[in-house]
C-alpha atoms as a PDB file:
ATOM      1  CA  MET A   1       0.174   0.128   0.152  1.00  0.00           C
ATOM      2  CA  ASN A   2       1.099   3.485  -0.997  1.00  0.00           C
ATOM      3  CA  ALA A   3       0.823   6.495   0.996  1.00  0.00           C
ATOM      4  CA  LYS A   4      -1.914   8.026  -1.763  1.00  0.00           C
ATOM      5  CA  GLN A   5      -3.543   3.724  -1.354  1.00  0.00           C
ATOM      6  CA  ALA A   6      -3.729   4.583   2.589  1.00  0.00           C
ATOM      7  CA  ASN A   7      -5.440   7.799   2.654  1.00  0.00           C
ATOM      8  CA  THR A   8      -8.904   6.409   0.415  1.00  0.00           C
ATOM      9  CA  PHE A   9      -9.784   4.605   4.188  1.00  0.00           C
ATOM     10  CA  SER A  10     -12.356   6.908   6.506  1.00  0.00           C
ATOM     11  CA  ILE A  11     -10.592   8.628   9.130  1.00  0.00           C
ATOM     12  CA  ILE A  12     -14.190   8.828  10.937  1.00  0.00           C
ATOM     13  CA  GLU A  13     -13.544   4.555  11.060  1.00  0.00           C
ATOM     14  CA  TYR A  14      -9.769   4.680  11.222  1.00  0.00           C
ATOM     15  CA  LEU A  15     -10.580   6.770  14.505  1.00  0.00           C
ATOM     16  CA  GLU A  16     -13.391   4.433  15.337  1.00  0.00           C
ATOM     17  CA  ALA A  17     -10.857   1.485  15.220  1.00  0.00           C
ATOM     18  CA  CYS A  18      -9.051   3.080  17.699  1.00  0.00           C
ATOM     19  CA  GLY A  19     -11.612   3.526  20.170  1.00  0.00           C
ATOM     20  CA  HIS A  20     -12.179   7.159  19.425  1.00  0.00           C
ATOM     21  CA  MET A  21     -15.924   7.970  19.142  1.00  0.00           C
ATOM     22  CA  PRO A  22     -17.120  11.583  17.681  1.00  0.00           C
ATOM     23  CA  ALA A  23     -18.624  13.390  20.781  1.00  0.00           C
ATOM     24  CA  LYS A  24     -20.816  15.432  18.442  1.00  0.00           C
ATOM     25  CA  ILE A  25     -22.342  15.526  14.530  1.00  0.00           C
ATOM     26  CA  ARG A  26     -23.245  17.666  12.685  1.00  0.00           C
ATOM     27  CA  GLY A  27     -24.121  17.459   9.021  1.00  0.00           C
ATOM     28  CA  ASP A  28     -21.045  15.829   7.486  1.00  0.00           C
ATOM     29  CA  SER A  29     -18.804  17.640  10.727  1.00  0.00           C
ATOM     30  CA  HIS A  30     -17.565  15.118  13.167  1.00  0.00           C
ATOM     31  CA  PHE A  31     -15.967  16.479  16.313  1.00  0.00           C
ATOM     32  CA  TYR A  32     -14.556  14.364  18.153  1.00  0.00           C
ATOM     33  CA  LEU A  33     -12.021  14.994  21.860  1.00  0.00           C
ATOM     34  CA  SER A  34      -8.220  15.468  20.210  1.00  0.00           C
ATOM     35  CA  PRO A  35      -7.025  11.495  20.468  1.00  0.00           C
ATOM     36  CA  TYR A  36      -3.332  12.857  20.608  1.00  0.00           C
ATOM     37  CA  ARG A  37      -3.515  16.018  24.104  1.00  0.00           C
ATOM     38  CA  PRO A  38      -5.752  16.635  26.435  1.00  0.00           C
ATOM     39  CA  GLU A  39      -8.897  19.021  26.089  1.00  0.00           C
ATOM     40  CA  ASP A  40     -12.274  18.624  27.307  1.00  0.00           C
ATOM     41  CA  THR A  41     -14.001  20.477  24.789  1.00  0.00           C
ATOM     42  CA  ALA A  42     -14.173  18.526  21.169  1.00  0.00           C
ATOM     43  CA  SER A  43     -12.126  20.685  19.004  1.00  0.00           C
ATOM     44  CA  LEU A  44     -10.761  17.942  15.952  1.00  0.00           C
ATOM     45  CA  LYS A  45     -13.287  18.061  13.279  1.00  0.00           C
ATOM     46  CA  VAL A  46     -13.745  15.445  10.435  1.00  0.00           C
ATOM     47  CA  SER A  47     -15.215  16.069   6.910  1.00  0.00           C
ATOM     48  CA  GLN A  48     -17.115  13.255   6.525  1.00  0.00           C
ATOM     49  CA  SER A  49     -17.516  13.702   2.589  1.00  0.00           C
ATOM     50  CA  LYS A  50     -14.019  15.080   2.066  1.00  0.00           C
ATOM     51  CA  ASN A  51     -12.158  12.893   4.577  1.00  0.00           C
ATOM     52  CA  LEU A  52      -9.749  15.577   6.333  1.00  0.00           C
ATOM     53  CA  TRP A  53      -9.337  16.671   9.891  1.00  0.00           C
ATOM     54  CA  VAL A  54      -8.594  19.842  11.147  1.00  0.00           C
ATOM     55  CA  ASP A  55      -7.834  20.728  15.035  1.00  0.00           C
ATOM     56  CA  TYR A  56      -9.161  23.804  15.830  1.00  0.00           C
ATOM     57  CA  GLY A  57      -7.241  23.747  19.488  1.00  0.00           C
ATOM     58  CA  ASP A  58      -4.046  23.203  17.758  1.00  0.00           C
ATOM     59  CA  GLN A  59      -3.239  26.406  15.842  1.00  0.00           C
ATOM     60  CA  ASN A  60      -5.132  24.496  12.815  1.00  0.00           C
ATOM     61  CA  ALA A  61      -3.112  21.134  12.427  1.00  0.00           C
ATOM     62  CA  GLY A  62      -4.722  18.924  10.087  1.00  0.00           C
ATOM     63  CA  GLY A  63      -4.971  16.930   6.484  1.00  0.00           C
ATOM     64  CA  SER A  64      -5.228  13.677   5.557  1.00  0.00           C
ATOM     65  CA  LEU A  65      -5.299  10.298   7.309  1.00  0.00           C
ATOM     66  CA  ILE A  66      -1.765   9.770   7.269  1.00  0.00           C
ATOM     67  CA  ASP A  67      -0.999  12.881   8.718  1.00  0.00           C
ATOM     68  CA  LEU A  68      -3.170  12.674  11.544  1.00  0.00           C
ATOM     69  CA  VAL A  69      -1.520   9.340  12.527  1.00  0.00           C
ATOM     70  CA  LEU A  70       1.604  11.084  12.453  1.00  0.00           C
ATOM     71  CA  LYS A  71       0.534  13.596  14.654  1.00  0.00           C
ATOM     72  CA  ILE A  72      -0.977  10.679  16.887  1.00  0.00           C
ATOM     73  CA  ASN A  73       2.245   8.913  16.630  1.00  0.00           C
ATOM     74  CA  PRO A  74       4.978  11.922  16.352  1.00  0.00           C
ATOM     75  CA  ASP A  75       8.067   9.564  16.311  1.00  0.00           C
ATOM     76  CA  TYR A  76       6.230   7.859  13.855  1.00  0.00           C
ATOM     77  CA  THR A  77       7.704   8.272   9.494  1.00  0.00           C
ATOM     78  CA  VAL A  78       5.222   8.297   6.784  1.00  0.00           C
ATOM     79  CA  SER A  79       6.013   4.694   6.301  1.00  0.00           C
ATOM     80  CA  ASP A  80       5.610   3.481  10.023  1.00  0.00           C
ATOM     81  CA  ALA A  81       2.292   5.539   9.534  1.00  0.00           C
ATOM     82  CA  ILE A  82       1.294   3.464   6.358  1.00  0.00           C
ATOM     83  CA  GLN A  83       1.736  -0.108   7.917  1.00  0.00           C
ATOM     84  CA  GLU A  84      -0.376   1.441  10.464  1.00  0.00           C
ATOM     85  CA  ILE A  85      -3.121   2.112   8.889  1.00  0.00           C
ATOM     86  CA  THR A  86      -2.566  -1.525   6.535  1.00  0.00           C
ATOM     87  CA  ARG A  87      -2.580  -3.106  10.003  1.00  0.00           C
ATOM     88  CA  THR A  88      -5.557  -1.230  11.639  1.00  0.00           C
ATOM     89  CA  ALA A  89      -7.316  -2.030   8.364  1.00  0.00           C
ATOM     90  CA  GLY A  90      -7.483  -5.544   6.776  1.00  0.00           C
ATOM     91  CA  ASP A  91     -11.232  -5.883   6.471  1.00  0.00           C
ATOM     92  CA  SER A  92     -11.721  -3.531   9.357  1.00  0.00           C
ATOM     93  CA  PHE A  93     -13.083  -0.203   8.147  1.00  0.00           C
ATOM     94  CA  SER A  94     -13.717   0.773   4.506  1.00  0.00           C
ATOM     95  CA  PHE A  95     -13.042   2.803   1.540  1.00  0.00           C
ATOM     96  CA  HIS A  96     -13.360   6.306   1.846  1.00  0.00           C
ATOM     97  CA  ARG A  97     -14.903   6.042  -1.729  1.00  0.00           C
ATOM     98  CA  GLN A  98     -18.118   4.801  -0.268  1.00  0.00           C
ATOM     99  CA  ILE A  99     -19.418   7.330   1.526  1.00  0.00           C
ATOM    100  CA  SER A 100     -20.391   9.477  -1.366  1.00  0.00           C
ATOM    101  CA  ASP A 101     -21.279   6.941  -3.786  1.00  0.00           C
ATOM    102  CA  PRO A 102     -24.979   8.377  -4.594  1.00  0.00           C
ATOM    103  CA  ASP A 103     -25.927   4.943  -6.703  1.00  0.00           C
ATOM    104  CA  PRO A 104     -28.329   2.820  -4.376  1.00  0.00           C
ATOM    105  CA  ASN A 105     -27.580  -0.079  -7.288  1.00  0.00           C
ATOM    106  CA  PRO A 106     -24.268   0.154  -8.694  1.00  0.00           C
ATOM    107  CA  PRO A 107     -23.866  -2.120 -11.890  1.00  0.00           C
ATOM    108  CA  GLY A 108     -22.156  -5.554 -11.257  1.00  0.00           C
ATOM    109  CA  ILE A 109     -21.979  -5.808  -7.135  1.00  0.00           C
ATOM    110  CA  GLN A 110     -20.165  -8.996  -6.681  1.00  0.00           C
ATOM    111  CA  ILE A 111     -19.826 -10.806  -3.469  1.00  0.00           C
ATOM    112  CA  ARG A 112     -16.557 -11.418  -2.433  1.00  0.00           C
ATOM    113  CA  SER A 113     -17.303 -12.800   1.072  1.00  0.00           C
ATOM    114  CA  ILE A 114     -19.460 -13.300   3.779  1.00  0.00           C
ATOM    115  CA  LYS A 115     -19.291 -13.748   7.350  1.00  0.00           C
ATOM    116  CA  ASP A 116     -20.947 -14.040  10.618  1.00  0.00           C
ATOM    117  CA  LEU A 117     -21.432 -10.393  12.257  1.00  0.00           C
ATOM    118  CA  GLY A 118     -18.767  -9.056  15.276  1.00  0.00           C
ATOM    119  CA  ASN A 119     -16.040  -9.966  13.073  1.00  0.00           C
ATOM    120  CA  ASN A 120     -16.128  -6.295  11.767  1.00  0.00           C
ATOM    121  CA  ARG A 121     -15.917  -3.346  14.531  1.00  0.00           C
ATOM    122  CA  SER A 122     -17.225  -0.778  12.305  1.00  0.00           C
ATOM    123  CA  LEU A 123     -20.154  -2.927  11.278  1.00  0.00           C
ATOM    124  CA  THR A 124     -20.837  -3.621  15.230  1.00  0.00           C
ATOM    125  CA  GLY A 125     -20.775  -0.115  15.742  1.00  0.00           C
ATOM    126  CA  TYR A 126     -22.865   0.565  13.511  1.00  0.00           C
ATOM    127  CA  LEU A 127     -25.256  -1.776  14.629  1.00  0.00           C
ATOM    128  CA  ASN A 128     -24.860   0.000  18.651  1.00  0.00           C
ATOM    129  CA  GLU A 129     -25.353   3.286  16.889  1.00  0.00           C
ATOM    130  CA  ARG A 130     -29.086   1.803  15.722  1.00  0.00           C
ATOM    131  CA  GLY A 131     -29.424   0.156  19.015  1.00  0.00           C
ATOM    132  CA  ILE A 132     -29.074  -2.989  18.164  1.00  0.00           C
ATOM    133  CA  GLN A 133     -27.755  -6.142  19.621  1.00  0.00           C
ATOM    134  CA  LEU A 134     -25.414  -8.556  18.170  1.00  0.00           C
ATOM    135  CA  THR A 135     -27.538 -11.564  19.408  1.00  0.00           C
ATOM    136  CA  THR A 136     -30.674  -9.924  17.670  1.00  0.00           C
ATOM    137  CA  ALA A 137     -29.026  -9.420  14.197  1.00  0.00           C
ATOM    138  CA  GLU A 138     -26.890 -12.426  13.720  1.00  0.00           C
ATOM    139  CA  ARG A 139     -30.447 -14.575  13.202  1.00  0.00           C
ATOM    140  CA  TYR A 140     -31.023 -12.335  10.227  1.00  0.00           C
ATOM    141  CA  CYS A 141     -28.042 -10.955   9.096  1.00  0.00           C
ATOM    142  CA  ARG A 142     -24.448 -11.150   7.633  1.00  0.00           C
ATOM    143  CA  GLU A 143     -21.050  -9.007   7.351  1.00  0.00           C
ATOM    144  CA  ILE A 144     -21.155  -8.999   3.328  1.00  0.00           C
ATOM    145  CA  TYR A 145     -18.112  -7.769   1.575  1.00  0.00           C
ATOM    146  CA  PHE A 146     -18.213  -7.372  -2.064  1.00  0.00           C
ATOM    147  CA  SER A 147     -16.602  -5.265  -4.824  1.00  0.00           C
ATOM    148  CA  THR A 148     -18.124  -2.863  -7.704  1.00  0.00           C
ATOM    149  CA  GLY A 149     -16.352  -0.794 -10.226  1.00  0.00           C
ATOM    150  CA  GLY A 150     -12.782  -2.182  -9.216  1.00  0.00           C
ATOM    151  CA  LYS A 151     -13.615  -0.655  -5.781  1.00  0.00           C
ATOM    152  CA  SER A 152     -13.901  -2.832  -2.511  1.00  0.00           C
ATOM    153  CA  TYR A 153     -16.435  -2.015   0.576  1.00  0.00           C
ATOM    154  CA  PHE A 154     -18.625  -3.789   2.962  1.00  0.00           C
ATOM    155  CA  GLY A 155     -21.781  -3.585   5.196  1.00  0.00           C
ATOM    156  CA  ILE A 156     -24.469  -5.381   6.946  1.00  0.00           C
ATOM    157  CA  GLY A 157     -26.831  -7.744   4.768  1.00  0.00           C
ATOM    158  CA  ASN A 158     -29.770  -9.110   4.750  1.00  0.00           C
ATOM    159  CA  ARG A 159     -30.612 -12.118   2.394  1.00  0.00           C
ATOM    160  CA  ASN A 160     -33.415 -11.252   0.370  1.00  0.00           C
ATOM    161  CA  GLU A 161     -35.043 -13.788  -2.284  1.00  0.00           C
ATOM    162  CA  ASN A 162     -33.031 -12.612  -5.256  1.00  0.00           C
ATOM    163  CA  GLY A 163     -29.139 -11.417  -3.672  1.00  0.00           C
ATOM    164  CA  TRP A 164     -28.103  -9.699  -0.754  1.00  0.00           C
ATOM    165  CA  SER A 165     -30.151  -5.939   0.652  1.00  0.00           C
ATOM    166  CA  ILE A 166     -27.548  -4.320   2.029  1.00  0.00           C
ATOM    167  CA  ARG A 167     -26.470  -0.817   4.123  1.00  0.00           C
ATOM    168  CA  ASN A 168     -23.555   0.616   6.381  1.00  0.00           C
ATOM    169  CA  ARG A 169     -23.614   4.251   7.948  1.00  0.00           C
ATOM    170  CA  TYR A 170     -22.607   5.745   4.439  1.00  0.00           C
ATOM    171  CA  TRP A 171     -24.707   3.780   2.111  1.00  0.00           C
ATOM    172  CA  LYS A 172     -27.497   1.335   1.309  1.00  0.00           C
ATOM    173  CA  GLY A 173     -28.599  -0.685  -1.631  1.00  0.00           C
ATOM    174  CA  CYS A 174     -28.427  -4.714  -2.594  1.00  0.00           C
ATOM    175  CA  SER A 175     -26.992  -6.838  -4.821  1.00  0.00           C
ATOM    176  CA  ALA A 176     -30.335  -7.555  -6.263  1.00  0.00           C
ATOM    177  CA  GLN A 177     -33.667  -6.373  -5.125  1.00  0.00           C
ATOM    178  CA  LYS A 178     -36.693  -8.828  -3.548  1.00  0.00           C
ATOM    179  CA  ILE A 179     -38.724  -9.298  -0.916  1.00  0.00           C
ATOM    180  CA  SER A 180     -36.747 -11.027   2.488  1.00  0.00           C
ATOM    181  CA  TYR A 181     -39.171 -13.753   3.902  1.00  0.00           C
ATOM    182  CA  TYR A 182     -38.518 -15.426   7.569  1.00  0.00           C
ATOM    183  CA  PRO A 183     -41.132 -18.049   7.881  1.00  0.00           C
ATOM    184  CA  THR A 184     -41.396 -20.036  10.617  1.00  0.00           C
ATOM    185  CA  LYS A 185     -44.643 -22.078  10.412  1.00  0.00           C
ATOM    186  CA  GLY A 186     -46.339 -19.404  12.210  1.00  0.00           C
ATOM    187  CA  GLN A 187     -49.615 -18.597  11.882  1.00  0.00           C
ATOM    188  CA  GLN A 188     -49.284 -14.500  12.365  1.00  0.00           C
ATOM    189  CA  LEU A 189     -47.403 -12.285   9.481  1.00  0.00           C
ATOM    190  CA  SER A 190     -45.984  -8.768  10.381  1.00  0.00           C
ATOM    191  CA  VAL A 191     -44.421  -6.681   7.447  1.00  0.00           C
ATOM    192  CA  PHE A 192     -42.001  -4.407   7.767  1.00  0.00           C
ATOM    193  CA  GLU A 193     -40.427  -1.642   5.741  1.00  0.00           C
ATOM    194  CA  GLY A 194     -37.062  -2.320   6.311  1.00  0.00           C
ATOM    195  CA  ILE A 195     -34.494  -4.864   7.983  1.00  0.00           C
ATOM    196  CA  PHE A 196     -33.822  -2.166  10.806  1.00  0.00           C
ATOM    197  CA  ASP A 197     -37.507  -2.268  11.460  1.00  0.00           C
ATOM    198  CA  LEU A 198     -37.808  -6.018  11.807  1.00  0.00           C
ATOM    199  CA  LEU A 199     -34.910  -5.643  14.322  1.00  0.00           C
ATOM    200  CA  SER A 200     -36.022  -2.911  16.598  1.00  0.00           C
ATOM    201  CA  PHE A 201     -39.445  -4.557  15.786  1.00  0.00           C
ATOM    202  CA  LEU A 202     -37.566  -7.590  18.155  1.00  0.00           C
ATOM    203  CA  GLU A 203     -35.703  -5.111  20.245  1.00  0.00           C
ATOM    204  CA  LEU A 204     -38.841  -3.673  21.599  1.00  0.00           C
ATOM    205  CA  LYS A 205     -40.948  -6.682  22.319  1.00  0.00           C
ATOM    206  CA  GLN A 206     -37.875  -9.186  22.845  1.00  0.00           C
ATOM    207  CA  GLU A 207     -39.540 -11.192  21.019  1.00  0.00           C
ATOM    208  CA  PRO A 208     -38.773 -14.200  19.449  1.00  0.00           C
ATOM    209  CA  PRO A 209     -40.012 -15.432  16.121  1.00  0.00           C
ATOM    210  CA  ILE A 210     -42.104 -18.531  17.208  1.00  0.00           C
ATOM    211  CA  GLY A 211     -45.695 -18.335  15.942  1.00  0.00           C
ATOM    212  CA  ARG A 212     -45.067 -15.386  14.231  1.00  0.00           C
ATOM    213  CA  ASP A 213     -43.658 -15.389  10.240  1.00  0.00           C
ATOM    214  CA  TYR A 214     -41.757 -11.818   9.062  1.00  0.00           C
ATOM    215  CA  LEU A 215     -41.650 -10.235   5.661  1.00  0.00           C
ATOM    216  CA  VAL A 216     -39.727  -7.512   4.787  1.00  0.00           C
ATOM    217  CA  LEU A 217     -39.962  -5.377   1.973  1.00  0.00           C
ATOM    218  CA  ASN A 218     -36.736  -3.765   1.393  1.00  0.00           C
ATOM    219  CA  SER A 219     -38.311  -1.246  -0.966  1.00  0.00           C
ATOM    220  CA  LEU A 220     -42.073  -0.485  -1.069  1.00  0.00           C
ATOM    221  CA  SER A 221     -41.082  -1.333  -5.016  1.00  0.00           C
ATOM    222  CA  ASN A 222     -41.955  -5.155  -3.927  1.00  0.00           C
ATOM    223  CA  ILE A 223     -45.109  -4.553  -2.627  1.00  0.00           C
ATOM    224  CA  PRO A 224     -46.968  -6.181  -5.442  1.00  0.00           C
ATOM    225  CA  GLN A 225     -44.324  -9.534  -4.946  1.00  0.00           C
ATOM    226  CA  ALA A 226     -44.693  -9.605  -1.254  1.00  0.00           C
ATOM    227  CA  GLY A 227     -48.550  -9.520  -2.155  1.00  0.00           C
ATOM    228  CA  GLN A 228     -48.219 -13.359  -2.805  1.00  0.00           C
ATOM    229  CA  ILE A 229     -46.900 -14.104   0.931  1.00  0.00           C
ATOM    230  CA  ILE A 230     -49.413 -11.901   2.214  1.00  0.00           C
ATOM    231  CA  LYS A 231     -52.354 -13.222   0.827  1.00  0.00           C
ATOM    232  CA  ARG A 232     -51.834 -16.586   2.838  1.00  0.00           C
ATOM    233  CA  TYR A 233     -51.864 -15.132   5.932  1.00  0.00           C
ATOM    234  CA  LYS A 234     -55.215 -14.490   7.759  1.00  0.00           C
ATOM    235  CA  ASP A 235     -53.555 -12.698  10.370  1.00  0.00           C
ATOM    236  CA  ILE A 236     -51.364 -10.087   9.001  1.00  0.00           C
ATOM    237  CA  ASP A 237     -49.793  -6.518  11.097  1.00  0.00           C
ATOM    238  CA  LEU A 238     -48.234  -3.910   8.806  1.00  0.00           C
ATOM    239  CA  TYR A 239     -44.913  -1.681  10.320  1.00  0.00           C
ATOM    240  CA  LEU A 240     -44.545  -0.089   7.738  1.00  0.00           C
ATOM    241  CA  ASP A 241     -42.767   3.759   8.258  1.00  0.00           C
ATOM    242  CA  LYS A 242     -45.463   6.661   8.809  1.00  0.00           C
ATOM    243  CA  ASP A 243     -43.919   9.110   6.125  1.00  0.00           C
ATOM    244  CA  VAL A 244     -45.618  10.018   2.761  1.00  0.00           C
ATOM    245  CA  ALA A 245     -44.581   7.292   1.260  1.00  0.00           C
ATOM    246  CA  GLY A 246     -45.422   4.461   3.741  1.00  0.00           C
ATOM    247  CA  ILE A 247     -48.244   5.428   4.944  1.00  0.00           C
ATOM    248  CA  LYS A 248     -49.949   5.351   1.322  1.00  0.00           C
ATOM    249  CA  ALA A 249     -48.590   1.832   0.849  1.00  0.00           C
ATOM    250  CA  THR A 250     -50.551   0.838   4.382  1.00  0.00           C
ATOM    251  CA  LYS A 251     -53.326   2.297   2.938  1.00  0.00           C
ATOM    252  CA  GLU A 252     -53.282   0.311  -0.447  1.00  0.00           C
ATOM    253  CA  LEU A 253     -52.178  -2.950   1.580  1.00  0.00           C
ATOM    254  CA  LEU A 254     -55.280  -2.428   4.501  1.00  0.00           C
ATOM    255  CA  LYS A 255     -57.576  -1.963   1.364  1.00  0.00           C
ATOM    256  CA  THR A 256     -56.078  -5.287  -0.541  1.00  0.00           C
ATOM    257  CA  PHE A 257     -55.908  -7.195   2.599  1.00  0.00           C
ATOM    258  CA  PRO A 258     -58.821  -5.848   4.823  1.00  0.00           C
ATOM    259  CA  HIS A 259     -58.237  -8.457   7.538  1.00  0.00           C
ATOM    260  CA  SER A 260     -54.860  -6.611   7.910  1.00  0.00           C
ATOM    261  CA  ARG A 261     -54.368  -4.173  10.711  1.00  0.00           C
ATOM    262  CA  ASP A 262     -52.007  -1.083  11.088  1.00  0.00           C
ATOM    263  CA  LYS A 263     -49.388  -1.502  13.817  1.00  0.00           C
ATOM    264  CA  SER A 264     -47.645   1.516  12.369  1.00  0.00           C
ATOM    265  CA  ALA A 265     -48.560   3.270  16.351  1.00  0.00           C
ATOM    266  CA  LEU A 266     -46.060   1.176  17.660  1.00  0.00           C
ATOM    267  CA  ALA A 267     -43.369   4.420  16.870  1.00  0.00           C
ATOM    268  CA  GLY A 268     -45.024   6.601  18.444  1.00  0.00           C
ATOM    269  CA  ILE A 269     -44.530   9.835  16.996  1.00  0.00           C
ATOM    270  CA  TYR A 270     -41.648   9.187  15.254  1.00  0.00           C
ATOM    271  CA  THR A 271     -41.144   8.098  11.528  1.00  0.00           C
ATOM    272  CA  ASP A 272     -40.515   4.303  11.964  1.00  0.00           C
ATOM    273  CA  LEU A 273     -39.188   1.985  14.706  1.00  0.00           C
ATOM    274  CA  ASN A 274     -35.909   2.426  14.533  1.00  0.00           C
ATOM    275  CA  GLU A 275     -36.451   6.132  15.654  1.00  0.00           C
ATOM    276  CA  TYR A 276     -38.376   5.151  18.566  1.00  0.00           C
ATOM    277  CA  LEU A 277     -36.377   2.683  19.589  1.00  0.00           C
ATOM    278  CA  LEU A 278     -33.150   4.538  19.995  1.00  0.00           C
ATOM    279  CA  LYS A 279     -35.392   7.397  21.405  1.00  0.00           C
ATOM    280  CA  ALA A 280     -36.268   4.608  23.851  1.00  0.00           C
ATOM    281  CA  LYS A 281     -32.702   3.870  24.714  1.00  0.00           C
ATOM    282  CA  GLY A 282     -31.459   7.524  24.819  1.00  0.00           C
ATOM    283  CA  TYR A 283     -29.912   7.375  21.956  1.00  0.00           C
ATOM    284  CA  ALA A 284     -29.159  10.199  19.457  1.00  0.00           C
ATOM    285  CA  ILE A 285     -31.231   9.653  16.141  1.00  0.00           C
ATOM    286  CA  ARG A 286     -28.889   9.380  13.325  1.00  0.00           C
ATOM    287  CA  ARG A 287     -29.281   7.661   9.885  1.00  0.00           C
END
């Protein structure tokens, strides 16, 4: 790895891998207590989109990831810093490029490897930020390592009927689009818009998947194909988001399946179950 390649790794994820979490987040900017000097007010700012940092408490010191590693380790050479980034990186944090990838369905996604949850500190941290325990997520999700356009990425994936629905802190998309269906030979069906809605429901209810089957749409565009499964059940609960699109979809499903029930009120005043879960746990709501 050369210096240019080392600097493509995310500063935010490097700091997290070293045990440094942001004291606050303001849009694109993540603010940290300095990792190389004592302070009480977070004055080191990292721009998520530019992957650059500046320390307002140290005469505006700043720069790239290598510059930060050198600042934290003043006895390091540039070669030492690159080796440190290489050791810390491995499969443990992602290329910075994924932060600004605008395409939710980039062409030619190739799955490189699939691992059980708990191997990747960044993804475990992301689950924690969303209020989800590993023991809850591991029944439905895996760590997905994939590539597209010659670049490598990773995320938390739930298998759908055509491939994987994948997301991380900065991006969500899929290798192929379809619903995720989790049957347990139950007589009841609960329908969710996304995988984090299902995981949040399980965290809130602490309910084992016994006697109840789950269906995750992954996208509201998948409702027509989901109808083929929904029609098999006489006991149906709908937990779709309470935004404009989710409310419209719920009304359509209630009309098509009049024996179903709108359960979106479980989220209270919040848009979805994950926002409600984060509020209940006292977490900051970050999407």
